[in-house]
Amino acid sequence: MSQASAWIRRWARHVQTGADMLDLACGSGRNGRHFLALGHPVLFLDIDLSGLTDLQGQPGVELLAADLENGSPWPLGNRQFGVVVATNYLWRPLFPHVIRATAPGGLLLYETFLHGQENHGRPTNPDFLLAENELFERLKDSFHILAFEQGEETEPKPSCRQRIAAVKR
């Protein structure tokens, strides 16, 4: 199992003890597993939960399979979380839901690909690549931005990424 993103590990220590976490489009759950190990209850949300069967029934774990891109209603209703994490995932229609799902005072950690990534490999579809400063612009009115980074990087492999850590006002 791969470890949590370095960005997520860096900011995890800023999360209030015991705060509940939403791992959005979690894949195998590497980021949520990190928060679970730190004592946070975690809701793992993805269309395919087959990489999480080992977590079934564990204390502090909630697994929810949902297609977030098919136009169905947001599966979490009005639930809010002390920390919301999304990495390597972009579906722009979800931004209002992600903002609402972050509780006041809660931390949003978002990290995904930026235009230019198509020069390094997948994803290449511009629908799945952030524009320059996009996360900052989308969040600046609802969040206090703690950190924002974007650009080309070489480690762990060449890519173009954008990431933000922000506290909900």
C-alpha atoms as a PDB file:
ATOM      1  CA  MET A   1       0.000   0.000   0.000  1.00  0.00           C
ATOM      2  CA  SER A   2       1.442   3.358  -0.961  1.00  0.00           C
ATOM      3  CA  GLN A   3       1.756   6.030   1.677  1.00  0.00           C
ATOM      4  CA  ALA A   4      -0.285   9.202   1.833  1.00  0.00           C
ATOM      5  CA  SER A   5       0.661  12.135  -0.346  1.00  0.00           C
ATOM      6  CA  ALA A   6       3.509  14.214   1.077  1.00  0.00           C
ATOM      7  CA  TRP A   7       1.189  17.268   0.947  1.00  0.00           C
ATOM      8  CA  ILE A   8      -1.456  15.438   2.977  1.00  0.00           C
ATOM      9  CA  ARG A   9       1.100  14.157   5.500  1.00  0.00           C
ATOM     10  CA  ARG A  10       2.484  17.690   5.883  1.00  0.00           C
ATOM     11  CA  TRP A  11      -0.905  19.196   6.763  1.00  0.00           C
ATOM     12  CA  ALA A  12      -2.436  16.282   8.709  1.00  0.00           C
ATOM     13  CA  ARG A  13      -0.836  17.501  11.933  1.00  0.00           C
ATOM     14  CA  HIS A  14      -2.874  20.710  11.671  1.00  0.00           C
ATOM     15  CA  VAL A  15      -6.179  18.836  11.913  1.00  0.00           C
ATOM     16  CA  GLN A  16      -8.041  19.014  15.205  1.00  0.00           C
ATOM     17  CA  THR A  17      -7.666  15.804  17.220  1.00  0.00           C
ATOM     18  CA  GLY A  18     -10.453  13.363  16.424  1.00  0.00           C
ATOM     19  CA  ALA A  19     -11.927  15.478  13.610  1.00  0.00           C
ATOM     20  CA  ASP A  20     -13.808  13.369  11.093  1.00  0.00           C
ATOM     21  CA  MET A  21     -12.346  13.104   7.607  1.00  0.00           C
ATOM     22  CA  LEU A  22     -13.806  12.720   4.144  1.00  0.00           C
ATOM     23  CA  ASP A  23     -11.486  10.997   1.680  1.00  0.00           C
ATOM     24  CA  LEU A  24     -13.118  12.051  -1.593  1.00  0.00           C
ATOM     25  CA  ALA A  25     -12.565   9.808  -4.625  1.00  0.00           C
ATOM     26  CA  CYS A  26     -10.355   7.800  -2.310  1.00  0.00           C
ATOM     27  CA  GLY A  27      -9.129   5.025  -4.594  1.00  0.00           C
ATOM     28  CA  SER A  28      -7.254   2.572  -2.360  1.00  0.00           C
ATOM     29  CA  GLY A  29      -7.591   5.013   0.543  1.00  0.00           C
ATOM     30  CA  ARG A  30      -3.939   5.890   1.072  1.00  0.00           C
ATOM     31  CA  ASN A  31      -4.780   9.357   2.465  1.00  0.00           C
ATOM     32  CA  GLY A  32      -7.729   8.238   4.560  1.00  0.00           C
ATOM     33  CA  ARG A  33      -5.682   5.367   5.963  1.00  0.00           C
ATOM     34  CA  HIS A  34      -3.127   7.927   7.137  1.00  0.00           C
ATOM     35  CA  PHE A  35      -5.814   9.872   9.002  1.00  0.00           C
ATOM     36  CA  LEU A  36      -7.302   6.657  10.384  1.00  0.00           C
ATOM     37  CA  ALA A  37      -3.875   5.743  11.799  1.00  0.00           C
ATOM     38  CA  LEU A  38      -3.812   9.189  13.457  1.00  0.00           C
ATOM     39  CA  GLY A  39      -7.102   8.430  15.222  1.00  0.00           C
ATOM     40  CA  HIS A  40      -9.560  10.206  12.940  1.00  0.00           C
ATOM     41  CA  PRO A  41     -12.842   8.629  11.854  1.00  0.00           C
ATOM     42  CA  VAL A  42     -12.826   8.457   8.043  1.00  0.00           C
ATOM     43  CA  LEU A  43     -15.510   8.257   5.401  1.00  0.00           C
ATOM     44  CA  PHE A  44     -14.002   6.705   2.276  1.00  0.00           C
ATOM     45  CA  LEU A  45     -16.008   7.721  -0.801  1.00  0.00           C
ATOM     46  CA  ASP A  46     -15.445   6.400  -4.319  1.00  0.00           C
ATOM     47  CA  ILE A  47     -17.255   4.686  -7.169  1.00  0.00           C
ATOM     48  CA  ASP A  48     -15.208   1.527  -6.550  1.00  0.00           C
ATOM     49  CA  LEU A  49     -14.351   0.417  -3.022  1.00  0.00           C
ATOM     50  CA  SER A  50     -12.678  -2.864  -3.980  1.00  0.00           C
ATOM     51  CA  GLY A  51      -9.305  -1.593  -2.728  1.00  0.00           C
ATOM     52  CA  LEU A  52     -10.735  -1.053   0.758  1.00  0.00           C
ATOM     53  CA  THR A  53     -12.187  -4.466   1.652  1.00  0.00           C
ATOM     54  CA  ASP A  54      -9.599  -4.862   4.434  1.00  0.00           C
ATOM     55  CA  LEU A  55     -11.170  -1.866   6.219  1.00  0.00           C
ATOM     56  CA  GLN A  56     -14.718  -3.257   6.234  1.00  0.00           C
ATOM     57  CA  GLY A  57     -16.122  -3.247   9.768  1.00  0.00           C
ATOM     58  CA  GLN A  58     -13.147  -1.501  11.383  1.00  0.00           C
ATOM     59  CA  PRO A  59     -13.924   1.111  14.033  1.00  0.00           C
ATOM     60  CA  GLY A  60     -13.912   4.655  12.685  1.00  0.00           C
ATOM     61  CA  VAL A  61     -14.379   3.523   9.097  1.00  0.00           C
ATOM     62  CA  GLU A  62     -17.333   4.336   6.875  1.00  0.00           C
ATOM     63  CA  LEU A  63     -17.304   3.113   3.281  1.00  0.00           C
ATOM     64  CA  LEU A  64     -19.603   4.693   0.698  1.00  0.00           C
ATOM     65  CA  ALA A  65     -19.722   3.677  -2.954  1.00  0.00           C
ATOM     66  CA  ALA A  66     -21.132   6.410  -5.183  1.00  0.00           C
ATOM     67  CA  ASP A  67     -20.676   7.656  -8.717  1.00  0.00           C
ATOM     68  CA  LEU A  68     -19.890  11.349  -8.247  1.00  0.00           C
ATOM     69  CA  GLU A  69     -19.980  12.152 -11.953  1.00  0.00           C
ATOM     70  CA  ASN A  70     -23.268  10.731 -13.215  1.00  0.00           C
ATOM     71  CA  GLY A  71     -25.518  13.614 -12.171  1.00  0.00           C
ATOM     72  CA  SER A  72     -26.944  11.851  -9.115  1.00  0.00           C
ATOM     73  CA  PRO A  73     -27.556  13.962  -6.012  1.00  0.00           C
ATOM     74  CA  TRP A  74     -24.548  14.548  -3.755  1.00  0.00           C
ATOM     75  CA  PRO A  75     -24.520  11.364  -1.638  1.00  0.00           C
ATOM     76  CA  LEU A  76     -23.596  13.069   1.650  1.00  0.00           C
ATOM     77  CA  GLY A  77     -26.495  15.523   1.932  1.00  0.00           C
ATOM     78  CA  ASN A  78     -25.562  18.258   4.404  1.00  0.00           C
ATOM     79  CA  ARG A  79     -22.860  16.297   6.253  1.00  0.00           C
ATOM     80  CA  GLN A  80     -19.767  18.266   7.142  1.00  0.00           C
ATOM     81  CA  PHE A  81     -16.271  17.112   8.044  1.00  0.00           C
ATOM     82  CA  GLY A  82     -13.372  18.532  10.019  1.00  0.00           C
ATOM     83  CA  VAL A  83     -11.072  17.694   7.122  1.00  0.00           C
ATOM     84  CA  VAL A  84     -11.832  17.010   3.469  1.00  0.00           C
ATOM     85  CA  VAL A  85      -9.129  15.536   1.253  1.00  0.00           C
ATOM     86  CA  ALA A  86      -9.089  15.140  -2.523  1.00  0.00           C
ATOM     87  CA  THR A  87      -6.007  14.097  -4.465  1.00  0.00           C
ATOM     88  CA  ASN A  88      -5.501  13.225  -8.121  1.00  0.00           C
ATOM     89  CA  TYR A  89      -9.169  13.931  -8.832  1.00  0.00           C
ATOM     90  CA  LEU A  90     -11.038  16.762 -10.506  1.00  0.00           C
ATOM     91  CA  TRP A  91     -14.729  16.967 -11.297  1.00  0.00           C
ATOM     92  CA  ARG A  92     -15.588  20.661 -11.303  1.00  0.00           C
ATOM     93  CA  PRO A  93     -19.346  20.260 -10.653  1.00  0.00           C
ATOM     94  CA  LEU A  94     -18.414  18.935  -7.177  1.00  0.00           C
ATOM     95  CA  PHE A  95     -16.710  22.114  -5.978  1.00  0.00           C
ATOM     96  CA  PRO A  96     -19.856  23.578  -4.314  1.00  0.00           C
ATOM     97  CA  HIS A  97     -20.396  20.253  -2.504  1.00  0.00           C
ATOM     98  CA  VAL A  98     -16.775  20.028  -1.389  1.00  0.00           C
ATOM     99  CA  ILE A  99     -16.973  23.568  -0.014  1.00  0.00           C
ATOM    100  CA  ARG A 100     -20.210  22.799   1.864  1.00  0.00           C
ATOM    101  CA  ALA A 101     -18.835  19.476   3.148  1.00  0.00           C
ATOM    102  CA  THR A 102     -15.962  21.248   4.873  1.00  0.00           C
ATOM    103  CA  ALA A 103     -17.152  22.307   8.335  1.00  0.00           C
ATOM    104  CA  PRO A 104     -16.515  25.864   9.530  1.00  0.00           C
ATOM    105  CA  GLY A 105     -12.980  25.820  10.915  1.00  0.00           C
ATOM    106  CA  GLY A 106     -12.333  22.595   9.003  1.00  0.00           C
ATOM    107  CA  LEU A 107      -9.379  21.980   6.722  1.00  0.00           C
ATOM    108  CA  LEU A 108      -9.623  21.349   2.988  1.00  0.00           C
ATOM    109  CA  LEU A 109      -6.598  19.666   1.434  1.00  0.00           C
ATOM    110  CA  TYR A 110      -6.756  19.445  -2.334  1.00  0.00           C
ATOM    111  CA  GLU A 111      -4.016  18.292  -4.694  1.00  0.00           C
ATOM    112  CA  THR A 112      -4.407  17.405  -8.344  1.00  0.00           C
ATOM    113  CA  PHE A 113      -3.052  17.890 -11.815  1.00  0.00           C
ATOM    114  CA  LEU A 114      -2.495  21.195 -13.575  1.00  0.00           C
ATOM    115  CA  HIS A 115      -2.443  22.110 -17.255  1.00  0.00           C
ATOM    116  CA  GLY A 116       0.956  21.031 -18.537  1.00  0.00           C
ATOM    117  CA  GLN A 117       0.481  17.521 -17.109  1.00  0.00           C
ATOM    118  CA  GLU A 118      -0.419  16.340 -20.615  1.00  0.00           C
ATOM    119  CA  ASN A 119       3.305  16.699 -21.430  1.00  0.00           C
ATOM    120  CA  HIS A 120       4.144  14.110 -18.747  1.00  0.00           C
ATOM    121  CA  GLY A 121       1.371  11.551 -19.172  1.00  0.00           C
ATOM    122  CA  ARG A 122      -2.108  11.027 -17.820  1.00  0.00           C
ATOM    123  CA  PRO A 123      -4.404  12.720 -17.358  1.00  0.00           C
ATOM    124  CA  THR A 124      -4.310  14.512 -20.695  1.00  0.00           C
ATOM    125  CA  ASN A 125      -7.968  15.541 -20.945  1.00  0.00           C
ATOM    126  CA  PRO A 126      -8.199  19.287 -20.173  1.00  0.00           C
ATOM    127  CA  ASP A 127     -11.435  18.622 -18.251  1.00  0.00           C
ATOM    128  CA  PHE A 128      -9.294  16.900 -15.615  1.00  0.00           C
ATOM    129  CA  LEU A 129      -6.526  19.501 -15.460  1.00  0.00           C
ATOM    130  CA  LEU A 130      -6.698  22.627 -13.340  1.00  0.00           C
ATOM    131  CA  ALA A 131      -6.120  26.048 -14.854  1.00  0.00           C
ATOM    132  CA  GLU A 132      -3.420  28.235 -13.347  1.00  0.00           C
ATOM    133  CA  ASN A 133      -4.502  29.473  -9.872  1.00  0.00           C
ATOM    134  CA  GLU A 134      -7.858  27.671 -10.180  1.00  0.00           C
ATOM    135  CA  LEU A 135      -7.998  26.187  -6.676  1.00  0.00           C
ATOM    136  CA  PHE A 136      -7.006  29.506  -5.124  1.00  0.00           C
ATOM    137  CA  GLU A 137      -9.630  31.422  -7.112  1.00  0.00           C
ATOM    138  CA  ARG A 138     -12.402  28.912  -6.347  1.00  0.00           C
ATOM    139  CA  LEU A 139     -11.719  28.860  -2.601  1.00  0.00           C
ATOM    140  CA  LYS A 140     -10.502  32.344  -1.654  1.00  0.00           C
ATOM    141  CA  ASP A 141     -13.955  33.689  -0.724  1.00  0.00           C
ATOM    142  CA  SER A 142     -14.963  30.791   1.564  1.00  0.00           C
ATOM    143  CA  PHE A 143     -11.600  29.783   3.015  1.00  0.00           C
ATOM    144  CA  HIS A 144      -8.535  31.233   4.665  1.00  0.00           C
ATOM    145  CA  ILE A 145      -5.716  29.977   2.422  1.00  0.00           C
ATOM    146  CA  LEU A 146      -2.862  28.532   4.480  1.00  0.00           C
ATOM    147  CA  ALA A 147      -0.723  27.406   1.556  1.00  0.00           C
ATOM    148  CA  PHE A 148      -0.967  27.231  -2.204  1.00  0.00           C
ATOM    149  CA  GLU A 149       1.497  25.676  -4.639  1.00  0.00           C
ATOM    150  CA  GLN A 150       1.483  25.004  -8.340  1.00  0.00           C
ATOM    151  CA  GLY A 151       3.888  24.118 -11.085  1.00  0.00           C
ATOM    152  CA  GLU A 152       6.036  21.486 -12.622  1.00  0.00           C
ATOM    153  CA  GLU A 153       7.870  19.059 -10.378  1.00  0.00           C
ATOM    154  CA  THR A 154      10.245  16.165 -10.901  1.00  0.00           C
ATOM    155  CA  GLU A 155       9.688  14.058  -7.760  1.00  0.00           C
ATOM    156  CA  PRO A 156       8.374  11.465  -7.220  1.00  0.00           C
ATOM    157  CA  LYS A 157       7.980  11.618 -11.019  1.00  0.00           C
ATOM    158  CA  PRO A 158       7.638  14.464 -13.519  1.00  0.00           C
ATOM    159  CA  SER A 159       4.206  16.089 -13.287  1.00  0.00           C
ATOM    160  CA  CYS A 160       2.375  19.404 -13.121  1.00  0.00           C
ATOM    161  CA  ARG A 161       0.417  19.834  -9.911  1.00  0.00           C
ATOM    162  CA  GLN A 162      -1.588  22.338  -7.956  1.00  0.00           C
ATOM    163  CA  ARG A 163      -2.306  22.005  -4.243  1.00  0.00           C
ATOM    164  CA  ILE A 164      -3.974  23.981  -1.523  1.00  0.00           C
ATOM    165  CA  ALA A 165      -4.460  23.825   2.237  1.00  0.00           C
ATOM    166  CA  ALA A 166      -7.309  26.036   3.421  1.00  0.00           C
ATOM    167  CA  VAL A 167      -9.452  26.561   6.525  1.00  0.00           C
ATOM    168  CA  LYS A 168     -13.191  27.127   6.052  1.00  0.00           C
ATOM    169  CA  ARG A 169     -14.403  30.491   7.331  1.00  0.00           C
END
